[in-house]
Amino acid sequence: MADYVMNTEGEYGGQIVQELASQFTQPGGFNEVYKQWGNRVLYIDSGVVPGSFQMNTSWYINAPDFDPLPYHDEHVHDFDELVGFLGSNPEDKTDLGGIIEIGINGEIHRLTKSSIIFMPAGMKHLPLRIVELERPILHFSVSMNPTYYYKSTAEEGN
């Protein structure tokens, strides 16, 4: 039997994230409002694991009566980002299990299938709206940057 190291032990165990980093917070009461529709699973950035880029994972568990979701206004980054929504139907991997609306450079796209969206640096995106939710949707975002930040397009006057 090969030698192995359990979980976060050993020389490289610090590279493994298995619990939500307690320092992950966003200003303005976002974390409390977010709990109305999402349940964050794991988060990593250079503050959690030095040298890492940023990734966030959450289960969308509720379709709140917000249009759009608070704190999800149109914004832009100076780094590339992937935004994904994956359905939880093991019988049909394409079935999103709900309807998500997302703005991409001013166009509102309605998603009903599992999707990954590439947002190149400088591309405006959001607002975001959960229109319907039949079953949980796994949401993730990956920012090719050590930390996550954005610039609201409302601040730009666009």
N, C-alpha and C. Protein backbone atom coordinates (compact mmCIF):
# COMPACT_ATOMS: atom_id res chain seq x y z
N MET A 1 0.85 -1.19 0.00
CA MET A 1 0.00 0.00 0.00
C MET A 1 0.89 1.24 0.00
N ALA A 2 0.54 2.22 -0.81
CA ALA A 2 1.32 3.45 -0.92
C ALA A 2 1.14 4.31 0.32
N ASP A 3 2.19 5.05 0.64
CA ASP A 3 2.07 6.01 1.73
C ASP A 3 1.20 7.17 1.29
N TYR A 4 0.45 7.70 2.21
CA TYR A 4 -0.38 8.86 1.90
C TYR A 4 -0.47 9.75 3.12
N VAL A 5 -0.88 10.96 2.89
CA VAL A 5 -1.07 11.94 3.95
C VAL A 5 -2.54 12.31 3.96
N MET A 6 -3.14 12.36 5.13
CA MET A 6 -4.56 12.68 5.23
C MET A 6 -4.82 14.17 5.13
N ASN A 7 -5.81 14.52 4.36
CA ASN A 7 -6.39 15.85 4.31
C ASN A 7 -5.36 16.97 4.27
N THR A 8 -5.33 17.81 5.26
CA THR A 8 -4.50 19.01 5.23
C THR A 8 -3.17 18.84 5.97
N GLU A 9 -2.76 17.59 6.20
CA GLU A 9 -1.49 17.33 6.87
C GLU A 9 -0.36 17.26 5.85
N GLY A 10 0.85 17.11 6.33
CA GLY A 10 2.01 16.92 5.47
C GLY A 10 2.55 18.24 4.92
N GLU A 11 3.56 18.12 4.11
CA GLU A 11 4.24 19.29 3.55
C GLU A 11 3.33 20.13 2.66
N TYR A 12 2.43 19.50 1.94
CA TYR A 12 1.59 20.22 0.98
C TYR A 12 0.12 20.28 1.38
N GLY A 13 -0.19 19.87 2.58
CA GLY A 13 -1.57 19.91 3.05
C GLY A 13 -2.16 21.31 3.09
N GLY A 14 -1.32 22.33 3.23
CA GLY A 14 -1.79 23.71 3.24
C GLY A 14 -2.34 24.17 1.90
N GLN A 15 -2.13 23.39 0.85
CA GLN A 15 -2.67 23.71 -0.47
C GLN A 15 -4.14 23.29 -0.59
N ILE A 16 -4.62 22.50 0.36
CA ILE A 16 -5.96 21.93 0.31
C ILE A 16 -6.89 22.76 1.18
N VAL A 17 -7.99 23.23 0.61
CA VAL A 17 -9.00 23.97 1.35
C VAL A 17 -10.24 23.08 1.48
N GLN A 18 -10.66 22.80 2.71
CA GLN A 18 -11.82 21.94 2.94
C GLN A 18 -12.89 22.59 3.79
N GLU A 19 -12.63 23.79 4.27
CA GLU A 19 -13.60 24.54 5.06
C GLU A 19 -13.65 25.96 4.55
N LEU A 20 -14.80 26.59 4.68
CA LEU A 20 -14.96 27.97 4.25
C LEU A 20 -14.06 28.87 5.09
N ALA A 21 -13.23 29.62 4.41
CA ALA A 21 -12.30 30.52 5.10
C ALA A 21 -13.08 31.55 5.90
N SER A 22 -12.79 31.64 7.18
CA SER A 22 -13.53 32.54 8.05
C SER A 22 -13.31 34.00 7.69
N GLN A 23 -12.19 34.32 7.02
CA GLN A 23 -11.93 35.72 6.70
C GLN A 23 -12.67 36.18 5.45
N PHE A 24 -13.42 35.27 4.78
CA PHE A 24 -14.13 35.70 3.59
C PHE A 24 -15.35 36.53 3.99
N THR A 25 -15.27 37.80 3.76
CA THR A 25 -16.39 38.70 4.02
C THR A 25 -16.43 39.74 2.92
N GLN A 26 -17.59 40.27 2.68
CA GLN A 26 -17.74 41.37 1.75
C GLN A 26 -18.43 42.50 2.50
N PRO A 27 -18.11 43.74 2.13
CA PRO A 27 -18.63 44.89 2.88
C PRO A 27 -20.12 45.11 2.70
N GLY A 28 -20.67 45.95 3.56
CA GLY A 28 -22.05 46.41 3.40
C GLY A 28 -23.11 45.40 3.74
N GLY A 29 -22.82 44.42 4.57
CA GLY A 29 -23.84 43.45 4.97
C GLY A 29 -24.13 42.39 3.93
N PHE A 30 -23.27 42.25 2.90
CA PHE A 30 -23.51 41.30 1.82
C PHE A 30 -23.69 39.88 2.33
N ASN A 31 -22.83 39.44 3.24
CA ASN A 31 -22.88 38.04 3.67
C ASN A 31 -24.24 37.66 4.27
N GLU A 32 -24.85 38.54 5.04
CA GLU A 32 -26.15 38.26 5.63
C GLU A 32 -27.25 38.21 4.57
N VAL A 33 -27.23 39.14 3.63
CA VAL A 33 -28.23 39.16 2.56
C VAL A 33 -28.07 37.94 1.66
N TYR A 34 -26.83 37.54 1.38
CA TYR A 34 -26.53 36.42 0.50
C TYR A 34 -27.18 35.13 0.99
N LYS A 35 -27.27 34.96 2.30
CA LYS A 35 -27.83 33.74 2.88
C LYS A 35 -29.29 33.52 2.49
N GLN A 36 -29.96 34.56 1.96
CA GLN A 36 -31.35 34.42 1.55
C GLN A 36 -31.50 33.58 0.28
N TRP A 37 -30.43 33.46 -0.50
CA TRP A 37 -30.51 32.64 -1.72
C TRP A 37 -29.32 31.70 -1.89
N GLY A 38 -28.21 31.97 -1.23
CA GLY A 38 -27.02 31.15 -1.46
C GLY A 38 -26.43 30.60 -0.18
N ASN A 39 -25.73 29.49 -0.32
CA ASN A 39 -25.01 28.86 0.77
C ASN A 39 -23.59 28.61 0.28
N ARG A 40 -22.67 29.50 0.69
CA ARG A 40 -21.29 29.41 0.23
C ARG A 40 -20.68 28.10 0.72
N VAL A 41 -19.95 27.42 -0.18
CA VAL A 41 -19.34 26.14 0.14
C VAL A 41 -17.87 26.33 0.47
N LEU A 42 -17.08 26.73 -0.51
CA LEU A 42 -15.65 26.96 -0.33
C LEU A 42 -15.23 28.21 -1.07
N TYR A 43 -14.14 28.82 -0.58
CA TYR A 43 -13.59 30.03 -1.18
C TYR A 43 -12.08 29.95 -1.03
N ILE A 44 -11.37 30.35 -2.08
CA ILE A 44 -9.91 30.39 -2.02
C ILE A 44 -9.43 31.65 -2.73
N ASP A 45 -8.43 32.26 -2.18
CA ASP A 45 -7.69 33.34 -2.84
C ASP A 45 -6.31 33.37 -2.21
N SER A 46 -5.50 34.36 -2.56
CA SER A 46 -4.13 34.39 -2.06
C SER A 46 -4.05 34.63 -0.56
N GLY A 47 -5.12 35.13 0.04
CA GLY A 47 -5.16 35.30 1.49
C GLY A 47 -5.42 33.99 2.21
N VAL A 48 -6.05 33.04 1.54
CA VAL A 48 -6.34 31.73 2.12
C VAL A 48 -5.17 30.78 1.87
N VAL A 49 -4.70 30.72 0.62
CA VAL A 49 -3.52 29.93 0.25
C VAL A 49 -2.61 30.85 -0.55
N PRO A 50 -1.49 31.26 0.02
CA PRO A 50 -0.59 32.18 -0.69
C PRO A 50 -0.23 31.66 -2.08
N GLY A 51 -0.35 32.56 -3.06
CA GLY A 51 -0.03 32.23 -4.44
C GLY A 51 -1.23 31.79 -5.27
N SER A 52 -2.36 31.54 -4.60
CA SER A 52 -3.56 31.08 -5.31
C SER A 52 -4.24 32.23 -6.04
N PHE A 53 -4.97 31.90 -7.09
CA PHE A 53 -5.93 32.84 -7.65
C PHE A 53 -7.25 32.63 -6.92
N GLN A 54 -8.26 33.45 -7.23
CA GLN A 54 -9.51 33.44 -6.47
C GLN A 54 -10.55 32.53 -7.10
N MET A 55 -11.24 31.75 -6.26
CA MET A 55 -12.38 30.94 -6.68
C MET A 55 -13.40 30.90 -5.55
N ASN A 56 -14.66 30.97 -5.93
CA ASN A 56 -15.78 30.94 -5.00
C ASN A 56 -16.74 29.85 -5.45
N THR A 57 -17.31 29.11 -4.49
CA THR A 57 -18.34 28.12 -4.81
C THR A 57 -19.50 28.27 -3.83
N SER A 58 -20.71 28.17 -4.36
CA SER A 58 -21.92 28.31 -3.55
C SER A 58 -23.04 27.46 -4.14
N TRP A 59 -23.92 27.01 -3.27
CA TRP A 59 -25.18 26.41 -3.72
C TRP A 59 -26.23 27.51 -3.72
N TYR A 60 -26.92 27.67 -4.83
CA TYR A 60 -28.11 28.53 -4.85
C TYR A 60 -29.27 27.64 -4.40
N ILE A 61 -29.91 28.04 -3.31
CA ILE A 61 -30.90 27.17 -2.66
C ILE A 61 -32.29 27.79 -2.61
N ASN A 62 -32.41 29.04 -3.05
CA ASN A 62 -33.68 29.73 -2.96
C ASN A 62 -33.77 30.75 -4.08
N ALA A 63 -34.97 30.99 -4.58
CA ALA A 63 -35.20 32.03 -5.58
C ALA A 63 -35.90 33.19 -4.89
N PRO A 64 -35.13 34.12 -4.32
CA PRO A 64 -35.75 35.21 -3.57
C PRO A 64 -36.46 36.18 -4.50
N ASP A 65 -37.30 37.00 -3.93
CA ASP A 65 -38.08 37.97 -4.69
C ASP A 65 -37.30 39.27 -4.86
N PHE A 66 -36.06 39.14 -5.39
CA PHE A 66 -35.22 40.30 -5.67
C PHE A 66 -35.04 40.41 -7.17
N ASP A 67 -35.07 41.60 -7.70
CA ASP A 67 -34.90 41.80 -9.14
C ASP A 67 -34.07 43.05 -9.40
N PRO A 68 -32.78 42.92 -9.63
CA PRO A 68 -31.94 41.72 -9.56
C PRO A 68 -31.52 41.45 -8.12
N LEU A 69 -30.64 40.43 -7.96
CA LEU A 69 -30.15 40.13 -6.63
C LEU A 69 -29.37 41.33 -6.08
N PRO A 70 -29.58 41.66 -4.82
CA PRO A 70 -28.81 42.77 -4.23
C PRO A 70 -27.31 42.49 -4.31
N TYR A 71 -26.54 43.52 -4.49
CA TYR A 71 -25.08 43.45 -4.58
C TYR A 71 -24.60 42.78 -5.87
N HIS A 72 -25.49 42.51 -6.79
CA HIS A 72 -25.12 41.88 -8.05
C HIS A 72 -25.41 42.82 -9.22
N ASP A 73 -24.98 44.06 -9.08
CA ASP A 73 -25.16 45.05 -10.14
C ASP A 73 -24.07 44.89 -11.19
N GLU A 74 -24.31 45.51 -12.34
CA GLU A 74 -23.32 45.44 -13.42
C GLU A 74 -21.99 45.99 -12.93
N HIS A 75 -20.92 45.26 -13.28
CA HIS A 75 -19.58 45.68 -12.89
C HIS A 75 -18.58 45.15 -13.90
N VAL A 76 -17.31 45.47 -13.66
CA VAL A 76 -16.23 45.08 -14.57
C VAL A 76 -14.98 44.78 -13.74
N HIS A 77 -14.11 43.92 -14.27
CA HIS A 77 -12.84 43.60 -13.63
C HIS A 77 -11.71 43.90 -14.62
N ASP A 78 -10.50 44.05 -14.09
CA ASP A 78 -9.34 44.16 -14.97
C ASP A 78 -8.60 42.82 -15.06
N PHE A 79 -9.32 41.73 -14.79
CA PHE A 79 -8.80 40.37 -14.92
C PHE A 79 -9.90 39.50 -15.51
N ASP A 80 -9.51 38.38 -16.12
CA ASP A 80 -10.46 37.42 -16.68
C ASP A 80 -11.19 36.69 -15.55
N GLU A 81 -12.45 36.32 -15.84
CA GLU A 81 -13.26 35.60 -14.86
C GLU A 81 -14.10 34.54 -15.57
N LEU A 82 -14.27 33.40 -14.93
CA LEU A 82 -15.24 32.39 -15.34
C LEU A 82 -16.38 32.42 -14.34
N VAL A 83 -17.61 32.37 -14.84
CA VAL A 83 -18.80 32.33 -13.99
C VAL A 83 -19.59 31.10 -14.42
N GLY A 84 -19.94 30.24 -13.46
CA GLY A 84 -20.62 29.02 -13.80
C GLY A 84 -21.85 28.75 -12.96
N PHE A 85 -22.78 28.02 -13.57
CA PHE A 85 -24.01 27.58 -12.93
C PHE A 85 -24.23 26.13 -13.35
N LEU A 86 -24.20 25.19 -12.40
CA LEU A 86 -24.33 23.77 -12.70
C LEU A 86 -25.56 23.21 -12.00
N GLY A 87 -26.38 22.50 -12.77
CA GLY A 87 -27.56 21.86 -12.20
C GLY A 87 -27.18 20.66 -11.35
N SER A 88 -28.12 20.22 -10.52
CA SER A 88 -27.85 19.11 -9.61
C SER A 88 -28.68 17.87 -9.93
N ASN A 89 -29.09 17.73 -11.19
CA ASN A 89 -29.85 16.57 -11.63
C ASN A 89 -28.87 15.52 -12.14
N PRO A 90 -28.61 14.44 -11.39
CA PRO A 90 -27.65 13.45 -11.84
C PRO A 90 -28.11 12.68 -13.09
N GLU A 91 -29.40 12.72 -13.39
CA GLU A 91 -29.92 12.03 -14.58
C GLU A 91 -29.76 12.86 -15.85
N ASP A 92 -29.57 14.18 -15.73
CA ASP A 92 -29.42 15.06 -16.89
C ASP A 92 -28.48 16.20 -16.51
N LYS A 93 -27.21 16.05 -16.86
CA LYS A 93 -26.20 17.03 -16.47
C LYS A 93 -26.41 18.40 -17.10
N THR A 94 -27.20 18.49 -18.16
CA THR A 94 -27.45 19.79 -18.79
C THR A 94 -28.60 20.55 -18.13
N ASP A 95 -29.45 19.85 -17.38
CA ASP A 95 -30.62 20.45 -16.75
C ASP A 95 -30.19 21.35 -15.60
N LEU A 96 -30.37 22.65 -15.76
CA LEU A 96 -29.97 23.59 -14.71
C LEU A 96 -30.84 23.45 -13.47
N GLY A 97 -32.08 23.08 -13.63
CA GLY A 97 -32.98 22.97 -12.48
C GLY A 97 -33.54 24.30 -12.05
N GLY A 98 -33.53 25.24 -12.96
CA GLY A 98 -34.05 26.57 -12.68
C GLY A 98 -33.76 27.49 -13.84
N ILE A 99 -34.01 28.76 -13.63
CA ILE A 99 -33.75 29.78 -14.64
C ILE A 99 -32.94 30.89 -13.98
N ILE A 100 -31.79 31.17 -14.58
CA ILE A 100 -30.92 32.26 -14.12
C ILE A 100 -30.85 33.29 -15.24
N GLU A 101 -31.01 34.57 -14.90
CA GLU A 101 -30.77 35.65 -15.85
C GLU A 101 -29.48 36.34 -15.47
N ILE A 102 -28.64 36.57 -16.48
CA ILE A 102 -27.35 37.23 -16.24
C ILE A 102 -27.06 38.19 -17.38
N GLY A 103 -26.61 39.38 -17.01
CA GLY A 103 -26.22 40.36 -17.99
C GLY A 103 -24.79 40.15 -18.44
N ILE A 104 -24.58 40.18 -19.76
CA ILE A 104 -23.25 40.09 -20.35
C ILE A 104 -23.10 41.24 -21.33
N ASN A 105 -22.33 42.23 -20.94
CA ASN A 105 -22.07 43.41 -21.77
C ASN A 105 -23.37 44.08 -22.23
N GLY A 106 -24.34 44.15 -21.31
CA GLY A 106 -25.59 44.83 -21.60
C GLY A 106 -26.70 43.94 -22.11
N GLU A 107 -26.40 42.71 -22.54
CA GLU A 107 -27.42 41.76 -22.98
C GLU A 107 -27.85 40.91 -21.78
N ILE A 108 -29.14 40.69 -21.64
CA ILE A 108 -29.64 39.80 -20.59
C ILE A 108 -29.82 38.42 -21.20
N HIS A 109 -29.12 37.44 -20.64
CA HIS A 109 -29.20 36.06 -21.12
C HIS A 109 -29.96 35.23 -20.09
N ARG A 110 -30.86 34.41 -20.58
CA ARG A 110 -31.66 33.53 -19.72
C ARG A 110 -31.10 32.12 -19.86
N LEU A 111 -30.57 31.59 -18.75
CA LEU A 111 -29.95 30.27 -18.74
C LEU A 111 -30.92 29.23 -18.18
N THR A 112 -31.08 28.12 -18.90
CA THR A 112 -31.87 26.99 -18.43
C THR A 112 -31.05 25.70 -18.46
N LYS A 113 -29.80 25.80 -18.91
CA LYS A 113 -28.89 24.65 -18.97
C LYS A 113 -27.64 24.98 -18.15
N SER A 114 -26.99 23.94 -17.64
CA SER A 114 -25.71 24.14 -16.97
C SER A 114 -24.80 24.94 -17.89
N SER A 115 -24.12 25.95 -17.34
CA SER A 115 -23.37 26.89 -18.17
C SER A 115 -22.11 27.36 -17.48
N ILE A 116 -21.07 27.59 -18.28
CA ILE A 116 -19.87 28.29 -17.85
C ILE A 116 -19.69 29.46 -18.81
N ILE A 117 -19.47 30.65 -18.26
CA ILE A 117 -19.37 31.87 -19.05
C ILE A 117 -17.98 32.46 -18.86
N PHE A 118 -17.31 32.78 -19.96
CA PHE A 118 -16.01 33.45 -19.91
C PHE A 118 -16.23 34.95 -20.00
N MET A 119 -15.76 35.67 -18.99
CA MET A 119 -15.83 37.13 -18.97
C MET A 119 -14.40 37.66 -19.09
N PRO A 120 -13.98 38.06 -20.29
CA PRO A 120 -12.62 38.60 -20.39
C PRO A 120 -12.49 39.91 -19.62
N ALA A 121 -11.29 40.22 -19.24
CA ALA A 121 -11.01 41.47 -18.53
C ALA A 121 -11.65 42.62 -19.30
N GLY A 122 -12.34 43.51 -18.57
CA GLY A 122 -12.96 44.67 -19.19
C GLY A 122 -14.39 44.46 -19.67
N MET A 123 -14.89 43.21 -19.68
CA MET A 123 -16.27 42.96 -20.13
C MET A 123 -17.24 43.22 -18.97
N LYS A 124 -18.20 44.08 -19.20
CA LYS A 124 -19.23 44.36 -18.21
C LYS A 124 -20.11 43.13 -18.06
N HIS A 125 -20.50 42.84 -16.83
CA HIS A 125 -21.40 41.72 -16.60
C HIS A 125 -22.24 41.94 -15.35
N LEU A 126 -23.34 41.18 -15.32
CA LEU A 126 -24.43 41.27 -14.36
C LEU A 126 -25.34 42.42 -14.78
N PRO A 127 -26.50 42.59 -14.28
CA PRO A 127 -27.07 42.07 -13.03
C PRO A 127 -27.35 40.57 -13.12
N LEU A 128 -27.69 39.99 -11.96
CA LEU A 128 -27.98 38.57 -11.84
C LEU A 128 -29.33 38.41 -11.16
N ARG A 129 -30.10 37.46 -11.67
CA ARG A 129 -31.43 37.21 -11.10
C ARG A 129 -31.70 35.71 -11.13
N ILE A 130 -32.19 35.17 -10.03
CA ILE A 130 -32.66 33.78 -9.99
C ILE A 130 -34.16 33.86 -10.25
N VAL A 131 -34.57 33.47 -11.44
CA VAL A 131 -35.97 33.58 -11.84
C VAL A 131 -36.79 32.45 -11.25
N GLU A 132 -36.28 31.22 -11.39
CA GLU A 132 -36.94 30.03 -10.85
C GLU A 132 -35.88 29.09 -10.31
N LEU A 133 -36.26 28.29 -9.32
CA LEU A 133 -35.34 27.30 -8.77
C LEU A 133 -36.13 26.06 -8.39
N GLU A 134 -35.93 24.97 -9.14
CA GLU A 134 -36.60 23.69 -8.86
C GLU A 134 -35.76 22.82 -7.93
N ARG A 135 -34.43 22.95 -8.06
CA ARG A 135 -33.49 22.20 -7.21
C ARG A 135 -32.23 23.03 -7.10
N PRO A 136 -31.36 22.73 -6.15
CA PRO A 136 -30.15 23.56 -5.97
C PRO A 136 -29.30 23.65 -7.24
N ILE A 137 -28.71 24.82 -7.40
CA ILE A 137 -27.78 25.09 -8.50
C ILE A 137 -26.42 25.41 -7.88
N LEU A 138 -25.38 24.72 -8.35
CA LEU A 138 -24.03 25.02 -7.88
C LEU A 138 -23.49 26.20 -8.70
N HIS A 139 -23.18 27.28 -8.03
CA HIS A 139 -22.62 28.47 -8.67
C HIS A 139 -21.14 28.56 -8.31
N PHE A 140 -20.32 28.94 -9.28
CA PHE A 140 -18.91 29.19 -8.99
C PHE A 140 -18.42 30.36 -9.83
N SER A 141 -17.38 30.98 -9.33
CA SER A 141 -16.67 31.99 -10.11
C SER A 141 -15.19 31.80 -9.87
N VAL A 142 -14.41 31.97 -10.93
CA VAL A 142 -12.96 31.85 -10.87
C VAL A 142 -12.39 33.12 -11.45
N SER A 143 -11.62 33.83 -10.66
CA SER A 143 -10.99 35.07 -11.10
C SER A 143 -9.50 34.84 -11.23
N MET A 144 -8.96 35.14 -12.38
CA MET A 144 -7.53 34.95 -12.59
C MET A 144 -6.77 36.12 -11.98
N ASN A 145 -6.92 36.22 -10.67
CA ASN A 145 -6.33 37.28 -9.89
C ASN A 145 -6.17 36.75 -8.46
N PRO A 146 -5.20 37.23 -7.70
CA PRO A 146 -5.01 36.73 -6.34
C PRO A 146 -6.17 37.04 -5.40
N THR A 147 -6.92 38.11 -5.67
CA THR A 147 -8.06 38.48 -4.84
C THR A 147 -9.20 38.93 -5.75
N TYR A 148 -10.41 38.96 -5.20
CA TYR A 148 -11.58 39.38 -5.95
C TYR A 148 -11.89 40.85 -5.63
N TYR A 149 -12.12 41.62 -6.66
CA TYR A 149 -12.63 42.98 -6.51
C TYR A 149 -13.29 43.35 -7.83
N TYR A 150 -14.08 44.41 -7.82
CA TYR A 150 -14.74 44.84 -9.03
C TYR A 150 -14.93 46.34 -8.99
N LYS A 151 -15.25 46.88 -10.16
CA LYS A 151 -15.60 48.29 -10.26
C LYS A 151 -17.00 48.38 -10.84
N SER A 152 -17.90 49.00 -10.09
CA SER A 152 -19.27 49.15 -10.54
C SER A 152 -19.31 50.03 -11.78
N THR A 153 -20.10 49.63 -12.78
CA THR A 153 -20.23 50.49 -13.96
C THR A 153 -21.06 51.72 -13.66
N ALA A 154 -21.86 51.67 -12.61
CA ALA A 154 -22.61 52.87 -12.20
C ALA A 154 -21.65 53.95 -11.75
N GLU A 155 -20.53 53.55 -11.13
CA GLU A 155 -19.53 54.51 -10.69
C GLU A 155 -18.83 55.15 -11.88
N GLU A 156 -18.75 54.40 -13.01
CA GLU A 156 -18.12 54.92 -14.21
C GLU A 156 -19.05 55.89 -14.95
N GLY A 157 -20.33 55.85 -14.60
CA GLY A 157 -21.31 56.66 -15.32
C GLY A 157 -21.74 56.02 -16.62
N ASN A 158 -21.52 54.70 -16.75
CA ASN A 158 -21.91 53.98 -17.98
C ASN A 158 -23.25 53.31 -17.81
